[in-house]
Amino acid sequence: MWLVHLGLARTAGAIMLIYGLTNPKTLLVRNDQLSITPMFGNGSSGFAVSGAF
C-alpha cells in the first residue's frame, strides 16, 4: 500500500512540474525593504525597525 501512495505522490509531482513549466505566468512581487537591527546605548538596548515601501 505504501508503494501505491508513493507512486501517486510522484505522479502528482511530475504533473505539477510539467504544468508549471509549460504554463508560465507573470507574478508581481513586492519589493519592500524592512530592516530590524539591534541598538545599544548608555544603559539601554533594543531594536530599531526601518523600512521603505
PDB file of N, CA and C in Angstrom:
ATOM      1  N   MET A   1       0.810  -1.187   0.000  1.00  0.00           N
ATOM      2  CA  MET A   1       0.000   0.000   0.000  1.00  0.00           C
ATOM      3  C   MET A   1       0.863   1.264   0.000  1.00  0.00           C
ATOM      4  N   TRP A   2       2.007   1.185   0.684  1.00  0.00           N
ATOM      5  CA  TRP A   2       2.922   2.323   0.749  1.00  0.00           C
ATOM      6  C   TRP A   2       3.428   2.692  -0.641  1.00  0.00           C
ATOM      7  N   LEU A   3       3.722   1.697  -1.450  1.00  0.00           N
ATOM      8  CA  LEU A   3       4.225   1.970  -2.795  1.00  0.00           C
ATOM      9  C   LEU A   3       3.169   2.635  -3.671  1.00  0.00           C
ATOM     10  N   VAL A   4       1.899   2.320  -3.436  1.00  0.00           N
ATOM     11  CA  VAL A   4       0.820   2.961  -4.203  1.00  0.00           C
ATOM     12  C   VAL A   4       0.779   4.455  -3.874  1.00  0.00           C
ATOM     13  N   HIS A   5       0.850   4.798  -2.589  1.00  0.00           N
ATOM     14  CA  HIS A   5       0.840   6.204  -2.188  1.00  0.00           C
ATOM     15  C   HIS A   5       2.076   6.930  -2.721  1.00  0.00           C
ATOM     16  N   LEU A   6       3.210   6.270  -2.657  1.00  0.00           N
ATOM     17  CA  LEU A   6       4.436   6.870  -3.167  1.00  0.00           C
ATOM     18  C   LEU A   6       4.337   7.118  -4.668  1.00  0.00           C
ATOM     19  N   GLY A   7       3.790   6.172  -5.393  1.00  0.00           N
ATOM     20  CA  GLY A   7       3.615   6.333  -6.832  1.00  0.00           C
ATOM     21  C   GLY A   7       2.647   7.448  -7.168  1.00  0.00           C
ATOM     22  N   LEU A   8       1.545   7.572  -6.404  1.00  0.00           N
ATOM     23  CA  LEU A   8       0.586   8.652  -6.631  1.00  0.00           C
ATOM     24  C   LEU A   8       1.210  10.018  -6.338  1.00  0.00           C
ATOM     25  N   ALA A   9       2.003  10.096  -5.288  1.00  0.00           N
ATOM     26  CA  ALA A   9       2.653  11.356  -4.939  1.00  0.00           C
ATOM     27  C   ALA A   9       3.652  11.763  -6.005  1.00  0.00           C
ATOM     28  N   ARG A  10       4.426  10.819  -6.507  1.00  0.00           N
ATOM     29  CA  ARG A  10       5.399  11.132  -7.557  1.00  0.00           C
ATOM     30  C   ARG A  10       4.694  11.533  -8.851  1.00  0.00           C
ATOM     31  N   THR A  11       3.608  10.856  -9.167  1.00  0.00           N
ATOM     32  CA  THR A  11       2.852  11.201 -10.372  1.00  0.00           C
ATOM     33  C   THR A  11       2.268  12.604 -10.258  1.00  0.00           C
ATOM     34  N   ALA A  12       1.710  12.919  -9.111  1.00  0.00           N
ATOM     35  CA  ALA A  12       1.160  14.260  -8.898  1.00  0.00           C
ATOM     36  C   ALA A  12       2.262  15.313  -8.996  1.00  0.00           C
ATOM     37  N   GLY A  13       3.419  15.039  -8.435  1.00  0.00           N
ATOM     38  CA  GLY A  13       4.546  15.968  -8.514  1.00  0.00           C
ATOM     39  C   GLY A  13       5.012  16.179  -9.939  1.00  0.00           C
ATOM     40  N   ALA A  14       5.086  15.104 -10.706  1.00  0.00           N
ATOM     41  CA  ALA A  14       5.511  15.214 -12.106  1.00  0.00           C
ATOM     42  C   ALA A  14       4.491  16.012 -12.913  1.00  0.00           C
ATOM     43  N   ILE A  15       3.204  15.778 -12.668  1.00  0.00           N
ATOM     44  CA  ILE A  15       2.161  16.517 -13.388  1.00  0.00           C
ATOM     45  C   ILE A  15       2.245  18.010 -13.056  1.00  0.00           C
ATOM     46  N   MET A  16       2.422  18.352 -11.782  1.00  0.00           N
ATOM     47  CA  MET A  16       2.526  19.764 -11.409  1.00  0.00           C
ATOM     48  C   MET A  16       3.781  20.415 -11.975  1.00  0.00           C
ATOM     49  N   LEU A  17       4.888  19.676 -12.029  1.00  0.00           N
ATOM     50  CA  LEU A  17       6.122  20.200 -12.614  1.00  0.00           C
ATOM     51  C   LEU A  17       5.937  20.495 -14.089  1.00  0.00           C
ATOM     52  N   ILE A  18       5.371  19.570 -14.818  1.00  0.00           N
ATOM     53  CA  ILE A  18       5.148  19.763 -16.250  1.00  0.00           C
ATOM     54  C   ILE A  18       4.180  20.917 -16.483  1.00  0.00           C
ATOM     55  N   TYR A  19       3.117  20.992 -15.701  1.00  0.00           N
ATOM     56  CA  TYR A  19       2.149  22.082 -15.832  1.00  0.00           C
ATOM     57  C   TYR A  19       2.820  23.434 -15.563  1.00  0.00           C
ATOM     58  N   GLY A  20       3.643  23.506 -14.532  1.00  0.00           N
ATOM     59  CA  GLY A  20       4.330  24.752 -14.194  1.00  0.00           C
ATOM     60  C   GLY A  20       5.320  25.185 -15.252  1.00  0.00           C
ATOM     61  N   LEU A  21       5.990  24.236 -15.880  1.00  0.00           N
ATOM     62  CA  LEU A  21       6.968  24.579 -16.915  1.00  0.00           C
ATOM     63  C   LEU A  21       6.308  24.981 -18.226  1.00  0.00           C
ATOM     64  N   THR A  22       5.148  24.422 -18.521  1.00  0.00           N
ATOM     65  CA  THR A  22       4.508  24.687 -19.800  1.00  0.00           C
ATOM     66  C   THR A  22       3.530  25.848 -19.752  1.00  0.00           C
ATOM     67  N   ASN A  23       3.158  26.332 -18.587  1.00  0.00           N
ATOM     68  CA  ASN A  23       2.207  27.437 -18.464  1.00  0.00           C
ATOM     69  C   ASN A  23       2.828  28.567 -17.647  1.00  0.00           C
ATOM     70  N   PRO A  24       3.705  29.344 -18.267  1.00  0.00           N
ATOM     71  CA  PRO A  24       4.341  30.423 -17.498  1.00  0.00           C
ATOM     72  C   PRO A  24       3.328  31.516 -17.157  1.00  0.00           C
ATOM     73  N   LYS A  25       3.478  32.094 -15.987  1.00  0.00           N
ATOM     74  CA  LYS A  25       2.578  33.142 -15.516  1.00  0.00           C
ATOM     75  C   LYS A  25       3.432  34.249 -14.912  1.00  0.00           C
ATOM     76  N   THR A  26       3.115  35.489 -15.264  1.00  0.00           N
ATOM     77  CA  THR A  26       3.833  36.613 -14.690  1.00  0.00           C
ATOM     78  C   THR A  26       3.339  36.832 -13.271  1.00  0.00           C
ATOM     79  N   LEU A  27       4.264  36.899 -12.341  1.00  0.00           N
ATOM     80  CA  LEU A  27       3.925  37.089 -10.940  1.00  0.00           C
ATOM     81  C   LEU A  27       4.595  38.359 -10.450  1.00  0.00           C
ATOM     82  N   LEU A  28       3.804  39.308  -9.985  1.00  0.00           N
ATOM     83  CA  LEU A  28       4.342  40.552  -9.457  1.00  0.00           C
ATOM     84  C   LEU A  28       4.705  40.345  -7.990  1.00  0.00           C
ATOM     85  N   VAL A  29       5.924  40.726  -7.634  1.00  0.00           N
ATOM     86  CA  VAL A  29       6.422  40.542  -6.274  1.00  0.00           C
ATOM     87  C   VAL A  29       6.743  41.907  -5.690  1.00  0.00           C
ATOM     88  N   ARG A  30       6.275  42.154  -4.482  1.00  0.00           N
ATOM     89  CA  ARG A  30       6.557  43.432  -3.821  1.00  0.00           C
ATOM     90  C   ARG A  30       8.034  43.535  -3.486  1.00  0.00           C
ATOM     91  N   ASN A  31       8.563  44.749  -3.540  1.00  0.00           N
ATOM     92  CA  ASN A  31       9.972  44.974  -3.256  1.00  0.00           C
ATOM     93  C   ASN A  31      10.121  45.805  -1.981  1.00  0.00           C
ATOM     94  N   ASP A  32       9.436  45.387  -0.934  1.00  0.00           N
ATOM     95  CA  ASP A  32       9.549  46.085   0.342  1.00  0.00           C
ATOM     96  C   ASP A  32      10.899  45.782   0.974  1.00  0.00           C
ATOM     97  N   GLN A  33      11.428  46.772   1.624  1.00  0.00           N
ATOM     98  CA  GLN A  33      12.696  46.576   2.319  1.00  0.00           C
ATOM     99  C   GLN A  33      12.476  46.892   3.788  1.00  0.00           C
ATOM    100  N   LEU A  34      12.591  45.905   4.626  1.00  0.00           N
ATOM    101  CA  LEU A  34      12.394  46.061   6.063  1.00  0.00           C
ATOM    102  C   LEU A  34      13.640  45.569   6.768  1.00  0.00           C
ATOM    103  N   SER A  35      14.125  46.364   7.682  1.00  0.00           N
ATOM    104  CA  SER A  35      15.357  46.016   8.376  1.00  0.00           C
ATOM    105  C   SER A  35      15.138  46.123   9.883  1.00  0.00           C
ATOM    106  N   ILE A  36      15.555  45.108  10.612  1.00  0.00           N
ATOM    107  CA  ILE A  36      15.491  45.113  12.069  1.00  0.00           C
ATOM    108  C   ILE A  36      16.923  44.956  12.575  1.00  0.00           C
ATOM    109  N   THR A  37      17.400  45.966  13.303  1.00  0.00           N
ATOM    110  CA  THR A  37      18.775  45.939  13.781  1.00  0.00           C
ATOM    111  C   THR A  37      18.806  46.187  15.290  1.00  0.00           C
ATOM    112  N   PRO A  38      19.751  45.597  15.978  1.00  0.00           N
ATOM    113  CA  PRO A  38      19.859  45.849  17.420  1.00  0.00           C
ATOM    114  C   PRO A  38      20.448  47.239  17.686  1.00  0.00           C
ATOM    115  N   MET A  39      19.993  47.870  18.769  1.00  0.00           N
ATOM    116  CA  MET A  39      20.505  49.181  19.186  1.00  0.00           C
ATOM    117  C   MET A  39      21.058  49.061  20.595  1.00  0.00           C
ATOM    118  N   PHE A  40      22.211  49.661  20.814  1.00  0.00           N
ATOM    119  CA  PHE A  40      22.810  49.679  22.141  1.00  0.00           C
ATOM    120  C   PHE A  40      23.180  51.114  22.467  1.00  0.00           C
ATOM    121  N   GLY A  41      22.869  51.558  23.667  1.00  0.00           N
ATOM    122  CA  GLY A  41      23.207  52.915  24.090  1.00  0.00           C
ATOM    123  C   GLY A  41      23.697  52.910  25.527  1.00  0.00           C
ATOM    124  N   ASN A  42      23.724  54.081  26.107  1.00  0.00           N
ATOM    125  CA  ASN A  42      24.171  54.215  27.502  1.00  0.00           C
ATOM    126  C   ASN A  42      23.113  53.645  28.439  1.00  0.00           C
ATOM    127  N   GLY A  43      23.277  52.425  28.855  1.00  0.00           N
ATOM    128  CA  GLY A  43      22.377  51.805  29.805  1.00  0.00           C
ATOM    129  C   GLY A  43      21.059  51.327  29.191  1.00  0.00           C
ATOM    130  N   SER A  44      20.949  51.330  27.878  1.00  0.00           N
ATOM    131  CA  SER A  44      19.713  50.867  27.255  1.00  0.00           C
ATOM    132  C   SER A  44      20.036  50.058  26.019  1.00  0.00           C
ATOM    133  N   SER A  45      19.093  49.246  25.653  1.00  0.00           N
ATOM    134  CA  SER A  45      19.258  48.455  24.447  1.00  0.00           C
ATOM    135  C   SER A  45      17.872  48.168  23.868  1.00  0.00           C
ATOM    136  N   GLY A  46      17.835  47.773  22.624  1.00  0.00           N
ATOM    137  CA  GLY A  46      16.566  47.484  21.993  1.00  0.00           C
ATOM    138  C   GLY A  46      16.756  47.182  20.523  1.00  0.00           C
ATOM    139  N   PHE A  47      15.670  47.324  19.768  1.00  0.00           N
ATOM    140  CA  PHE A  47      15.711  47.065  18.341  1.00  0.00           C
ATOM    141  C   PHE A  47      15.235  48.295  17.582  1.00  0.00           C
ATOM    142  N   ALA A  48      15.844  48.531  16.448  1.00  0.00           N
ATOM    143  CA  ALA A  48      15.418  49.607  15.561  1.00  0.00           C
ATOM    144  C   ALA A  48      14.833  48.969  14.307  1.00  0.00           C
ATOM    145  N   VAL A  49      13.658  49.438  13.919  1.00  0.00           N
ATOM    146  CA  VAL A  49      12.999  48.931  12.724  1.00  0.00           C
ATOM    147  C   VAL A  49      12.930  50.059  11.715  1.00  0.00           C
ATOM    148  N   SER A  50      13.455  49.823  10.535  1.00  0.00           N
ATOM    149  CA  SER A  50      13.378  50.822   9.478  1.00  0.00           C
ATOM    150  C   SER A  50      13.017  50.124   8.182  1.00  0.00           C
ATOM    151  N   GLY A  51      12.397  50.882   7.289  1.00  0.00           N
ATOM    152  CA  GLY A  51      11.998  50.252   6.046  1.00  0.00           C
ATOM    153  C   GLY A  51      11.595  51.266   5.003  1.00  0.00           C
ATOM    154  N   ALA A  52      11.395  50.760   3.801  1.00  0.00           N
ATOM    155  CA  ALA A  52      10.952  51.574   2.675  1.00  0.00           C
ATOM    156  C   ALA A  52       9.869  50.798   1.952  1.00  0.00           C
ATOM    157  N   PHE A  53       8.830  51.503   1.577  1.00  0.00           N
ATOM    158  CA  PHE A  53       7.718  50.864   0.880  1.00  0.00           C
ATOM    159  C   PHE A  53       7.606  51.415  -0.522  1.00  0.00           C
TER     160      PHE A  53
END
